[in-house]
């Protein structure tokens, strides 16, 4: 029932130009994830995972000090950073919870610390 209502609403929006300024869950925003400098020399680039709900939607190794920009649908996201090691010590970062808003850039900083 809800899905059918949504399709009818989308069809009506396509025929009615007055509805074109209504915010939509189908409009992308930008998630800008910056990985801070490495907490120790010689660490591999950490893997960053962006998850919406229970779906792991995006993942990438991001070099230390670099930024990963994602144009993604608006919604609630969790950013996980996998632990890294230099062979002796382990380093980890806290998860980040964020909301991506249509046509807005949301900035997140990932900082690793010794575990």
PDB file of N, CA and C in Angstrom:
ATOM      1  N   UNK A   1       0.827  -1.188   0.000  1.00  0.00           N
ATOM      2  CA  UNK A   1       0.000   0.000   0.000  1.00  0.00           C
ATOM      3  C   UNK A   1       0.872   1.253   0.000  1.00  0.00           C
ATOM      4  N   UNK A   2       1.864   1.332   0.884  1.00  0.00           N
ATOM      5  CA  UNK A   2       2.738   2.507   0.947  1.00  0.00           C
ATOM      6  C   UNK A   2       3.532   2.666  -0.326  1.00  0.00           C
ATOM      7  N   UNK A   3       4.014   1.542  -0.886  1.00  0.00           N
ATOM      8  CA  UNK A   3       4.796   1.607  -2.110  1.00  0.00           C
ATOM      9  C   UNK A   3       3.945   2.138  -3.256  1.00  0.00           C
ATOM     10  N   UNK A   4       2.697   1.658  -3.366  1.00  0.00           N
ATOM     11  CA  UNK A   4       1.790   2.126  -4.398  1.00  0.00           C
ATOM     12  C   UNK A   4       1.508   3.612  -4.234  1.00  0.00           C
ATOM     13  N   UNK A   5       1.308   4.064  -2.983  1.00  0.00           N
ATOM     14  CA  UNK A   5       1.067   5.478  -2.721  1.00  0.00           C
ATOM     15  C   UNK A   5       2.272   6.309  -3.163  1.00  0.00           C
ATOM     16  N   UNK A   6       3.482   5.803  -2.893  1.00  0.00           N
ATOM     17  CA  UNK A   6       4.687   6.532  -3.256  1.00  0.00           C
ATOM     18  C   UNK A   6       4.800   6.648  -4.777  1.00  0.00           C
ATOM     19  N   UNK A   7       4.497   5.571  -5.504  1.00  0.00           N
ATOM     20  CA  UNK A   7       4.562   5.618  -6.966  1.00  0.00           C
ATOM     21  C   UNK A   7       3.541   6.613  -7.519  1.00  0.00           C
ATOM     22  N   UNK A   8       2.335   6.619  -6.956  1.00  0.00           N
ATOM     23  CA  UNK A   8       1.316   7.567  -7.396  1.00  0.00           C
ATOM     24  C   UNK A   8       1.744   9.000  -7.106  1.00  0.00           C
ATOM     25  N   UNK A   9       2.379   9.218  -5.955  1.00  0.00           N
ATOM     26  CA  UNK A   9       2.862  10.545  -5.591  1.00  0.00           C
ATOM     27  C   UNK A   9       3.964  10.992  -6.539  1.00  0.00           C
ATOM     28  N   UNK A  10       4.888  10.075  -6.867  1.00  0.00           N
ATOM     29  CA  UNK A  10       5.969  10.414  -7.798  1.00  0.00           C
ATOM     30  C   UNK A  10       5.422  10.723  -9.182  1.00  0.00           C
ATOM     31  N   UNK A  11       4.427   9.956  -9.618  1.00  0.00           N
ATOM     32  CA  UNK A  11       3.813  10.206 -10.918  1.00  0.00           C
ATOM     33  C   UNK A  11       3.128  11.568 -10.931  1.00  0.00           C
ATOM     34  N   UNK A  12       2.435  11.897  -9.853  1.00  0.00           N
ATOM     35  CA  UNK A  12       1.766  13.195  -9.757  1.00  0.00           C
ATOM     36  C   UNK A  12       2.789  14.320  -9.732  1.00  0.00           C
ATOM     37  N   UNK A  13       3.889  14.115  -9.042  1.00  0.00           N
ATOM     38  CA  UNK A  13       4.936  15.142  -8.963  1.00  0.00           C
ATOM     39  C   UNK A  13       5.535  15.402 -10.329  1.00  0.00           C
ATOM     40  N   UNK A  14       5.654  14.364 -11.137  1.00  0.00           N
ATOM     41  CA  UNK A  14       6.186  14.539 -12.481  1.00  0.00           C
ATOM     42  C   UNK A  14       5.249  15.349 -13.365  1.00  0.00           C
ATOM     43  N   UNK A  15       3.940  15.321 -13.104  1.00  0.00           N
ATOM     44  CA  UNK A  15       2.978  16.055 -13.905  1.00  0.00           C
ATOM     45  C   UNK A  15       2.680  17.436 -13.338  1.00  0.00           C
ATOM     46  N   UNK A  16       3.060  17.698 -12.088  1.00  0.00           N
ATOM     47  CA  UNK A  16       2.710  18.950 -11.444  1.00  0.00           C
ATOM     48  C   UNK A  16       3.982  19.708 -11.089  1.00  0.00           C
ATOM     49  N   UNK A  17       4.277  20.757 -11.839  1.00  0.00           N
ATOM     50  CA  UNK A  17       5.519  21.506 -11.618  1.00  0.00           C
ATOM     51  C   UNK A  17       5.534  22.212 -10.266  1.00  0.00           C
ATOM     52  N   UNK A  18       4.399  22.384  -9.630  1.00  0.00           N
ATOM     53  CA  UNK A  18       4.357  23.043  -8.322  1.00  0.00           C
ATOM     54  C   UNK A  18       5.034  22.191  -7.249  1.00  0.00           C
ATOM     55  N   UNK A  19       5.187  20.885  -7.485  1.00  0.00           N
ATOM     56  CA  UNK A  19       5.790  20.008  -6.505  1.00  0.00           C
ATOM     57  C   UNK A  19       7.296  19.840  -6.702  1.00  0.00           C
ATOM     58  N   UNK A  20       7.897  20.533  -7.659  1.00  0.00           N
ATOM     59  CA  UNK A  20       9.315  20.315  -7.944  1.00  0.00           C
ATOM     60  C   UNK A  20      10.236  20.862  -6.863  1.00  0.00           C
ATOM     61  N   UNK A  21       9.778  21.748  -6.000  1.00  0.00           N
ATOM     62  CA  UNK A  21      10.621  22.293  -4.946  1.00  0.00           C
ATOM     63  C   UNK A  21      10.494  21.548  -3.623  1.00  0.00           C
ATOM     64  N   UNK A  22       9.738  20.467  -3.602  1.00  0.00           N
ATOM     65  CA  UNK A  22       9.559  19.683  -2.389  1.00  0.00           C
ATOM     66  C   UNK A  22      10.808  18.830  -2.181  1.00  0.00           C
ATOM     67  N   UNK A  23      11.440  18.862  -0.980  1.00  0.00           N
ATOM     68  CA  UNK A  23      12.609  18.005  -0.734  1.00  0.00           C
ATOM     69  C   UNK A  23      12.255  16.539  -0.939  1.00  0.00           C
ATOM     70  N   UNK A  24      13.202  15.786  -1.441  1.00  0.00           N
ATOM     71  CA  UNK A  24      12.943  14.395  -1.756  1.00  0.00           C
ATOM     72  C   UNK A  24      14.001  13.493  -1.151  1.00  0.00           C
ATOM     73  N   UNK A  25      13.582  12.290  -0.728  1.00  0.00           N
ATOM     74  CA  UNK A  25      14.544  11.320  -0.224  1.00  0.00           C
ATOM     75  C   UNK A  25      15.383  10.764  -1.364  1.00  0.00           C
ATOM     76  N   UNK A  26      15.035  11.093  -2.619  1.00  0.00           N
ATOM     77  CA  UNK A  26      15.772  10.597  -3.772  1.00  0.00           C
ATOM     78  C   UNK A  26      16.832  11.585  -4.236  1.00  0.00           C
ATOM     79  N   UNK A  27      17.004  12.699  -3.535  1.00  0.00           N
ATOM     80  CA  UNK A  27      18.003  13.692  -3.900  1.00  0.00           C
ATOM     81  C   UNK A  27      19.280  13.407  -3.114  1.00  0.00           C
ATOM     82  N   UNK A  28      20.423  13.464  -3.798  1.00  0.00           N
ATOM     83  CA  UNK A  28      21.699  13.177  -3.145  1.00  0.00           C
ATOM     84  C   UNK A  28      22.223  14.356  -2.356  1.00  0.00           C
ATOM     85  N   UNK A  29      23.017  14.013  -1.378  1.00  0.00           N
ATOM     86  CA  UNK A  29      23.840  14.960  -0.652  1.00  0.00           C
ATOM     87  C   UNK A  29      25.272  14.471  -0.773  1.00  0.00           C
ATOM     88  N   UNK A  30      26.205  15.194  -0.205  1.00  0.00           N
ATOM     89  CA  UNK A  30      27.610  14.788  -0.281  1.00  0.00           C
ATOM     90  C   UNK A  30      28.115  14.474   1.114  1.00  0.00           C
ATOM     91  N   UNK A  31      28.742  13.324   1.249  1.00  0.00           N
ATOM     92  CA  UNK A  31      29.403  12.931   2.487  1.00  0.00           C
ATOM     93  C   UNK A  31      30.900  13.043   2.237  1.00  0.00           C
ATOM     94  N   UNK A  32      31.536  13.936   2.965  1.00  0.00           N
ATOM     95  CA  UNK A  32      32.964  14.193   2.810  1.00  0.00           C
ATOM     96  C   UNK A  32      33.690  13.634   4.035  1.00  0.00           C
ATOM     97  N   UNK A  33      34.439  12.545   3.822  1.00  0.00           N
ATOM     98  CA  UNK A  33      35.116  11.849   4.922  1.00  0.00           C
ATOM     99  C   UNK A  33      36.613  12.111   4.806  1.00  0.00           C
ATOM    100  N   UNK A  34      37.185  12.739   5.835  1.00  0.00           N
ATOM    101  CA  UNK A  34      38.622  12.998   5.870  1.00  0.00           C
ATOM    102  C   UNK A  34      39.253  12.098   6.916  1.00  0.00           C
ATOM    103  N   UNK A  35      40.314  11.394   6.509  1.00  0.00           N
ATOM    104  CA  UNK A  35      41.083  10.585   7.444  1.00  0.00           C
ATOM    105  C   UNK A  35      42.234  11.450   7.929  1.00  0.00           C
ATOM    106  N   UNK A  36      42.324  11.637   9.233  1.00  0.00           N
ATOM    107  CA  UNK A  36      43.362  12.464   9.848  1.00  0.00           C
ATOM    108  C   UNK A  36      44.749  11.874   9.553  1.00  0.00           C
ATOM    109  N   UNK A  37      45.789  12.554   9.961  1.00  0.00           N
ATOM    110  CA  UNK A  37      47.144  12.044   9.756  1.00  0.00           C
ATOM    111  C   UNK A  37      47.349  10.757  10.548  1.00  0.00           C
ATOM    112  N   UNK A  38      48.261   9.940  10.098  1.00  0.00           N
ATOM    113  CA  UNK A  38      48.530   8.652  10.733  1.00  0.00           C
ATOM    114  C   UNK A  38      49.065   8.853  12.153  1.00  0.00           C
ATOM    115  N   UNK A  39      48.612   8.035  13.101  1.00  0.00           N
ATOM    116  CA  UNK A  39      49.087   8.160  14.477  1.00  0.00           C
ATOM    117  C   UNK A  39      50.504   7.603  14.675  1.00  0.00           C
ATOM    118  N   UNK A  40      51.004   6.890  13.662  1.00  0.00           N
ATOM    119  CA  UNK A  40      52.357   6.328  13.729  1.00  0.00           C
ATOM    120  C   UNK A  40      52.854   6.128  12.297  1.00  0.00           C
ATOM    121  N   UNK A  41      54.164   6.139  12.091  1.00  0.00           N
ATOM    122  CA  UNK A  41      54.700   5.944  10.744  1.00  0.00           C
ATOM    123  C   UNK A  41      54.520   4.511  10.252  1.00  0.00           C
ATOM    124  N   UNK A  42      54.407   4.353   8.942  1.00  0.00           N
ATOM    125  CA  UNK A  42      54.368   3.030   8.326  1.00  0.00           C
ATOM    126  C   UNK A  42      53.045   2.305   8.369  1.00  0.00           C
ATOM    127  N   UNK A  43      51.976   2.965   8.737  1.00  0.00           N
ATOM    128  CA  UNK A  43      50.667   2.298   8.789  1.00  0.00           C
ATOM    129  C   UNK A  43      50.036   2.243   7.404  1.00  0.00           C
ATOM    130  N   UNK A  44      49.364   1.129   7.076  1.00  0.00           N
ATOM    131  CA  UNK A  44      48.652   1.059   5.798  1.00  0.00           C
ATOM    132  C   UNK A  44      47.433   1.984   5.809  1.00  0.00           C
ATOM    133  N   UNK A  45      46.971   2.343   4.618  1.00  0.00           N
ATOM    134  CA  UNK A  45      45.764   3.174   4.501  1.00  0.00           C
ATOM    135  C   UNK A  45      44.578   2.424   5.103  1.00  0.00           C
ATOM    136  N   UNK A  46      43.805   3.075   5.953  1.00  0.00           N
ATOM    137  CA  UNK A  46      42.668   2.389   6.579  1.00  0.00           C
ATOM    138  C   UNK A  46      41.490   2.208   5.617  1.00  0.00           C
ATOM    139  N   UNK A  47      40.753   1.129   5.827  1.00  0.00           N
ATOM    140  CA  UNK A  47      39.525   0.878   5.057  1.00  0.00           C
ATOM    141  C   UNK A  47      38.376   1.556   5.776  1.00  0.00           C
ATOM    142  N   UNK A  48      37.630   2.371   5.037  1.00  0.00           N
ATOM    143  CA  UNK A  48      36.472   3.086   5.565  1.00  0.00           C
ATOM    144  C   UNK A  48      35.225   2.455   4.953  1.00  0.00           C
ATOM    145  N   UNK A  49      34.235   2.175   5.787  1.00  0.00           N
ATOM    146  CA  UNK A  49      32.978   1.567   5.343  1.00  0.00           C
ATOM    147  C   UNK A  49      31.840   2.501   5.724  1.00  0.00           C
ATOM    148  N   UNK A  50      31.007   2.826   4.748  1.00  0.00           N
ATOM    149  CA  UNK A  50      29.836   3.673   4.974  1.00  0.00           C
ATOM    150  C   UNK A  50      28.613   2.767   4.858  1.00  0.00           C
ATOM    151  N   UNK A  51      27.827   2.755   5.916  1.00  0.00           N
ATOM    152  CA  UNK A  51      26.696   1.831   5.996  1.00  0.00           C
ATOM    153  C   UNK A  51      25.413   2.596   6.262  1.00  0.00           C
ATOM    154  N   UNK A  52      24.362   2.204   5.560  1.00  0.00           N
ATOM    155  CA  UNK A  52      23.028   2.753   5.810  1.00  0.00           C
ATOM    156  C   UNK A  52      22.148   1.601   6.269  1.00  0.00           C
ATOM    157  N   UNK A  53      21.689   1.670   7.517  1.00  0.00           N
ATOM    158  CA  UNK A  53      20.935   0.551   8.081  1.00  0.00           C
ATOM    159  C   UNK A  53      21.843  -0.654   8.219  1.00  0.00           C
ATOM    160  N   UNK A  54      21.421  -1.784   7.669  1.00  0.00           N
ATOM    161  CA  UNK A  54      22.236  -2.995   7.731  1.00  0.00           C
ATOM    162  C   UNK A  54      22.968  -3.262   6.418  1.00  0.00           C
ATOM    163  N   UNK A  55      22.922  -2.296   5.505  1.00  0.00           N
ATOM    164  CA  UNK A  55      23.541  -2.470   4.199  1.00  0.00           C
ATOM    165  C   UNK A  55      24.877  -1.751   4.169  1.00  0.00           C
ATOM    166  N   UNK A  56      25.941  -2.477   3.866  1.00  0.00           N
ATOM    167  CA  UNK A  56      27.264  -1.875   3.703  1.00  0.00           C
ATOM    168  C   UNK A  56      27.337  -1.356   2.273  1.00  0.00           C
ATOM    169  N   UNK A  57      27.056  -0.087   2.116  1.00  0.00           N
ATOM    170  CA  UNK A  57      26.862   0.463   0.784  1.00  0.00           C
ATOM    171  C   UNK A  57      28.156   0.860   0.077  1.00  0.00           C
ATOM    172  N   UNK A  58      29.118   1.398   0.809  1.00  0.00           N
ATOM    173  CA  UNK A  58      30.327   1.928   0.191  1.00  0.00           C
ATOM    174  C   UNK A  58      31.533   1.573   1.055  1.00  0.00           C
ATOM    175  N   UNK A  59      32.650   1.252   0.411  1.00  0.00           N
ATOM    176  CA  UNK A  59      33.884   1.021   1.156  1.00  0.00           C
ATOM    177  C   UNK A  59      35.077   1.374   0.287  1.00  0.00           C
ATOM    178  N   UNK A  60      36.136   1.841   0.971  1.00  0.00           N
ATOM    179  CA  UNK A  60      37.312   2.279   0.235  1.00  0.00           C
ATOM    180  C   UNK A  60      38.483   2.441   1.199  1.00  0.00           C
ATOM    181  N   UNK A  61      39.682   2.140   0.720  1.00  0.00           N
ATOM    182  CA  UNK A  61      40.887   2.478   1.475  1.00  0.00           C
ATOM    183  C   UNK A  61      41.180   3.945   1.211  1.00  0.00           C
ATOM    184  N   UNK A  62      41.313   4.725   2.284  1.00  0.00           N
ATOM    185  CA  UNK A  62      41.557   6.160   2.161  1.00  0.00           C
ATOM    186  C   UNK A  62      42.930   6.451   2.767  1.00  0.00           C
ATOM    187  N   UNK A  63      43.795   7.068   1.989  1.00  0.00           N
ATOM    188  CA  UNK A  63      45.135   7.386   2.471  1.00  0.00           C
ATOM    189  C   UNK A  63      45.077   8.389   3.616  1.00  0.00           C
ATOM    190  N   UNK A  64      46.073   8.317   4.486  1.00  0.00           N
ATOM    191  CA  UNK A  64      46.169   9.245   5.621  1.00  0.00           C
ATOM    192  C   UNK A  64      46.208  10.677   5.111  1.00  0.00           C
ATOM    193  N   UNK A  65      45.378  11.530   5.696  1.00  0.00           N
ATOM    194  CA  UNK A  65      45.326  12.936   5.318  1.00  0.00           C
ATOM    195  C   UNK A  65      44.473  13.227   4.095  1.00  0.00           C
ATOM    196  N   UNK A  66      43.902  12.202   3.459  1.00  0.00           N
ATOM    197  CA  UNK A  66      43.072  12.402   2.259  1.00  0.00           C
ATOM    198  C   UNK A  66      41.589  12.482   2.614  1.00  0.00           C
ATOM    199  N   UNK A  67      40.816  12.949   1.639  1.00  0.00           N
ATOM    200  CA  UNK A  67      39.367  13.078   1.794  1.00  0.00           C
ATOM    201  C   UNK A  67      38.668  12.253   0.723  1.00  0.00           C
ATOM    202  N   UNK A  68      37.623  11.561   1.117  1.00  0.00           N
ATOM    203  CA  UNK A  68      36.784  10.766   0.212  1.00  0.00           C
ATOM    204  C   UNK A  68      35.434  11.448   0.155  1.00  0.00           C
ATOM    205  N   UNK A  69      35.042  11.916  -1.046  1.00  0.00           N
ATOM    206  CA  UNK A  69      33.751  12.576  -1.236  1.00  0.00           C
ATOM    207  C   UNK A  69      32.788  11.615  -1.925  1.00  0.00           C
ATOM    208  N   UNK A  70      31.637  11.414  -1.305  1.00  0.00           N
ATOM    209  CA  UNK A  70      30.610  10.530  -1.842  1.00  0.00           C
ATOM    210  C   UNK A  70      29.338  11.311  -2.100  1.00  0.00           C
ATOM    211  N   UNK A  71      28.805  11.206  -3.299  1.00  0.00           N
ATOM    212  CA  UNK A  71      27.483  11.750  -3.595  1.00  0.00           C
ATOM    213  C   UNK A  71      26.506  10.591  -3.402  1.00  0.00           C
ATOM    214  N   UNK A  72      25.741  10.652  -2.303  1.00  0.00           N
ATOM    215  CA  UNK A  72      24.882   9.527  -1.927  1.00  0.00           C
ATOM    216  C   UNK A  72      23.479  10.012  -1.576  1.00  0.00           C
ATOM    217  N   UNK A  73      22.503   9.097  -1.633  1.00  0.00           N
ATOM    218  CA  UNK A  73      21.134   9.485  -1.270  1.00  0.00           C
ATOM    219  C   UNK A  73      21.058   9.994   0.169  1.00  0.00           C
ATOM    220  N   UNK A  74      20.190  10.946   0.394  1.00  0.00           N
ATOM    221  CA  UNK A  74      20.026  11.478   1.743  1.00  0.00           C
ATOM    222  C   UNK A  74      19.547  10.376   2.676  1.00  0.00           C
ATOM    223  N   UNK A  75      19.930  10.497   3.951  1.00  0.00           N
ATOM    224  CA  UNK A  75      19.534   9.496   4.937  1.00  0.00           C
ATOM    225  C   UNK A  75      20.535   9.403   6.068  1.00  0.00           C
ATOM    226  N   UNK A  76      20.305   8.453   6.956  1.00  0.00           N
ATOM    227  CA  UNK A  76      21.172   8.220   8.111  1.00  0.00           C
ATOM    228  C   UNK A  76      22.260   7.213   7.742  1.00  0.00           C
ATOM    229  N   UNK A  77      23.499   7.523   8.118  1.00  0.00           N
ATOM    230  CA  UNK A  77      24.629   6.662   7.797  1.00  0.00           C
ATOM    231  C   UNK A  77      25.526   6.473   9.012  1.00  0.00           C
ATOM    232  N   UNK A  78      26.219   5.327   9.034  1.00  0.00           N
ATOM    233  CA  UNK A  78      27.253   5.057  10.020  1.00  0.00           C
ATOM    234  C   UNK A  78      28.552   4.847   9.252  1.00  0.00           C
ATOM    235  N   UNK A  79      29.618   5.488   9.731  1.00  0.00           N
ATOM    236  CA  UNK A  79      30.929   5.343   9.113  1.00  0.00           C
ATOM    237  C   UNK A  79      31.788   4.510  10.056  1.00  0.00           C
ATOM    238  N   UNK A  80      32.233   3.357   9.563  1.00  0.00           N
ATOM    239  CA  UNK A  80      33.105   2.471  10.329  1.00  0.00           C
ATOM    240  C   UNK A  80      34.505   2.542   9.733  1.00  0.00           C
ATOM    241  N   UNK A  81      35.498   2.501  10.585  1.00  0.00           N
ATOM    242  CA  UNK A  81      36.888   2.488  10.154  1.00  0.00           C
ATOM    243  C   UNK A  81      37.527   1.231  10.709  1.00  0.00           C
ATOM    244  N   UNK A  82      38.073   0.392   9.827  1.00  0.00           N
ATOM    245  CA  UNK A  82      38.677  -0.847  10.294  1.00  0.00           C
ATOM    246  C   UNK A  82      40.013  -0.568  10.981  1.00  0.00           C
ATOM    247  N   UNK A  83      40.364  -1.383  11.989  1.00  0.00           N
ATOM    248  CA  UNK A  83      41.648  -1.195  12.686  1.00  0.00           C
ATOM    249  C   UNK A  83      42.827  -1.386  11.733  1.00  0.00           C
ATOM    250  N   UNK A  84      43.938  -0.727  12.046  1.00  0.00           N
ATOM    251  CA  UNK A  84      45.176  -0.892  11.286  1.00  0.00           C
ATOM    252  C   UNK A  84      46.293  -1.232  12.268  1.00  0.00           C
ATOM    253  N   UNK A  85      47.359  -1.847  11.736  1.00  0.00           N
ATOM    254  CA  UNK A  85      48.469  -2.255  12.594  1.00  0.00           C
ATOM    255  C   UNK A  85      49.788  -2.049  11.871  1.00  0.00           C
ATOM    256  N   UNK A  86      50.817  -1.757  12.663  1.00  0.00           N
ATOM    257  CA  UNK A  86      52.167  -1.674  12.113  1.00  0.00           C
ATOM    258  C   UNK A  86      52.938  -2.960  12.381  1.00  0.00           C
ATOM    259  N   UNK A  87      52.243  -4.008  12.803  1.00  0.00           N
ATOM    260  CA  UNK A  87      52.859  -5.281  13.124  1.00  0.00           C
ATOM    261  C   UNK A  87      53.143  -5.433  14.608  1.00  0.00           C
ATOM    262  N   UNK A  88      53.104  -4.329  15.323  1.00  0.00           N
ATOM    263  CA  UNK A  88      53.343  -4.365  16.773  1.00  0.00           C
ATOM    264  C   UNK A  88      52.130  -3.811  17.524  1.00  0.00           C
ATOM    265  N   UNK A  89      51.681  -2.643  17.106  1.00  0.00           N
ATOM    266  CA  UNK A  89      50.557  -1.969  17.768  1.00  0.00           C
ATOM    267  C   UNK A  89      49.349  -1.895  16.842  1.00  0.00           C
ATOM    268  N   UNK A  90      48.165  -1.862  17.452  1.00  0.00           N
ATOM    269  CA  UNK A  90      46.927  -1.685  16.713  1.00  0.00           C
ATOM    270  C   UNK A  90      46.390  -0.285  16.963  1.00  0.00           C
ATOM    271  N   UNK A  91      45.755   0.264  15.923  1.00  0.00           N
ATOM    272  CA  UNK A  91      45.152   1.592  15.999  1.00  0.00           C
ATOM    273  C   UNK A  91      43.730   1.487  15.478  1.00  0.00           C
ATOM    274  N   UNK A  92      42.834   2.241  16.100  1.00  0.00           N
ATOM    275  CA  UNK A  92      41.430   2.197  15.692  1.00  0.00           C
ATOM    276  C   UNK A  92      40.811   3.587  15.786  1.00  0.00           C
ATOM    277  N   UNK A  93      39.656   3.737  15.146  1.00  0.00           N
ATOM    278  CA  UNK A  93      38.904   4.995  15.190  1.00  0.00           C
ATOM    279  C   UNK A  93      37.482   4.686  15.632  1.00  0.00           C
ATOM    280  N   UNK A  94      36.856   5.648  16.270  1.00  0.00           N
ATOM    281  CA  UNK A  94      35.459   5.497  16.675  1.00  0.00           C
ATOM    282  C   UNK A  94      34.545   5.578  15.465  1.00  0.00           C
ATOM    283  N   UNK A  95      33.415   4.898  15.544  1.00  0.00           N
ATOM    284  CA  UNK A  95      32.409   5.003  14.491  1.00  0.00           C
ATOM    285  C   UNK A  95      31.786   6.391  14.534  1.00  0.00           C
ATOM    286  N   UNK A  96      31.327   6.844  13.381  1.00  0.00           N
ATOM    287  CA  UNK A  96      30.689   8.160  13.272  1.00  0.00           C
ATOM    288  C   UNK A  96      29.279   7.958  12.737  1.00  0.00           C
ATOM    289  N   UNK A  97      28.310   8.560  13.405  1.00  0.00           N
ATOM    290  CA  UNK A  97      26.920   8.525  12.955  1.00  0.00           C
ATOM    291  C   UNK A  97      26.590   9.896  12.373  1.00  0.00           C
ATOM    292  N   UNK A  98      26.015   9.913  11.169  1.00  0.00           N
ATOM    293  CA  UNK A  98      25.735  11.191  10.521  1.00  0.00           C
ATOM    294  C   UNK A  98      24.469  11.111   9.683  1.00  0.00           C
ATOM    295  N   UNK A  99      23.954  12.274   9.335  1.00  0.00           N
ATOM    296  CA  UNK A  99      22.775  12.386   8.472  1.00  0.00           C
ATOM    297  C   UNK A  99      23.187  13.165   7.231  1.00  0.00           C
ATOM    298  N   UNK A 100      22.936  12.572   6.069  1.00  0.00           N
ATOM    299  CA  UNK A 100      23.192  13.249   4.800  1.00  0.00           C
ATOM    300  C   UNK A 100      21.895  13.916   4.361  1.00  0.00           C
ATOM    301  N   UNK A 101      21.992  15.206   4.087  1.00  0.00           N
ATOM    302  CA  UNK A 101      20.839  16.025   3.726  1.00  0.00           C
ATOM    303  C   UNK A 101      20.920  16.336   2.227  1.00  0.00           C
ATOM    304  N   UNK A 102      19.787  16.375   1.514  1.00  0.00           N
ATOM    305  CA  UNK A 102      19.823  16.670   0.082  1.00  0.00           C
ATOM    306  C   UNK A 102      20.537  17.991  -0.216  1.00  0.00           C
ATOM    307  N   UNK A 103      21.403  17.958  -1.221  1.00  0.00           N
ATOM    308  CA  UNK A 103      22.104  19.143  -1.732  1.00  0.00           C
ATOM    309  C   UNK A 103      22.986  19.832  -0.696  1.00  0.00           C
ATOM    310  N   UNK A 104      23.462  19.093   0.314  1.00  0.00           N
ATOM    311  CA  UNK A 104      24.316  19.644   1.365  1.00  0.00           C
ATOM    312  C   UNK A 104      25.539  18.740   1.505  1.00  0.00           C
ATOM    313  N   UNK A 105      26.699  19.333   1.817  1.00  0.00           N
ATOM    314  CA  UNK A 105      27.903  18.557   2.102  1.00  0.00           C
ATOM    315  C   UNK A 105      28.056  18.405   3.605  1.00  0.00           C
ATOM    316  N   UNK A 106      28.188  17.168   4.059  1.00  0.00           N
ATOM    317  CA  UNK A 106      28.389  16.851   5.464  1.00  0.00           C
ATOM    318  C   UNK A 106      29.841  16.407   5.621  1.00  0.00           C
ATOM    319  N   UNK A 107      30.591  17.075   6.505  1.00  0.00           N
ATOM    320  CA  UNK A 107      32.005  16.768   6.715  1.00  0.00           C
ATOM    321  C   UNK A 107      32.181  15.891   7.945  1.00  0.00           C
ATOM    322  N   UNK A 108      32.990  14.834   7.810  1.00  0.00           N
ATOM    323  CA  UNK A 108      33.307  13.943   8.924  1.00  0.00           C
ATOM    324  C   UNK A 108      34.811  13.734   8.983  1.00  0.00           C
ATOM    325  N   UNK A 109      35.363  13.769  10.181  1.00  0.00           N
ATOM    326  CA  UNK A 109      36.788  13.554  10.393  1.00  0.00           C
ATOM    327  C   UNK A 109      36.972  12.224  11.122  1.00  0.00           C
ATOM    328  N   UNK A 110      37.825  11.364  10.561  1.00  0.00           N
ATOM    329  CA  UNK A 110      38.144  10.079  11.168  1.00  0.00           C
ATOM    330  C   UNK A 110      39.547  10.195  11.767  1.00  0.00           C
ATOM    331  N   UNK A 111      39.637  10.004  13.073  1.00  0.00           N
ATOM    332  CA  UNK A 111      40.927  10.104  13.771  1.00  0.00           C
ATOM    333  C   UNK A 111      41.227   8.778  14.460  1.00  0.00           C
ATOM    334  N   UNK A 112      42.381   8.216  14.141  1.00  0.00           N
ATOM    335  CA  UNK A 112      42.812   6.954  14.741  1.00  0.00           C
ATOM    336  C   UNK A 112      43.613   7.208  16.022  1.00  0.00           C
ATOM    337  N   UNK A 113      43.534   6.257  16.946  1.00  0.00           N
ATOM    338  CA  UNK A 113      44.267   6.312  18.202  1.00  0.00           C
ATOM    339  C   UNK A 113      44.724   4.906  18.556  1.00  0.00           C
ATOM    340  N   UNK A 114      45.716   4.774  19.417  1.00  0.00           N
ATOM    341  CA  UNK A 114      46.184   3.435  19.805  1.00  0.00           C
ATOM    342  C   UNK A 114      45.107   2.745  20.633  1.00  0.00           C
ATOM    343  N   UNK A 115      44.999   1.440  20.448  1.00  0.00           N
ATOM    344  CA  UNK A 115      43.939   0.709  21.155  1.00  0.00           C
ATOM    345  C   UNK A 115      44.428   0.037  22.404  1.00  0.00           C
TER     346      UNK A 115
END
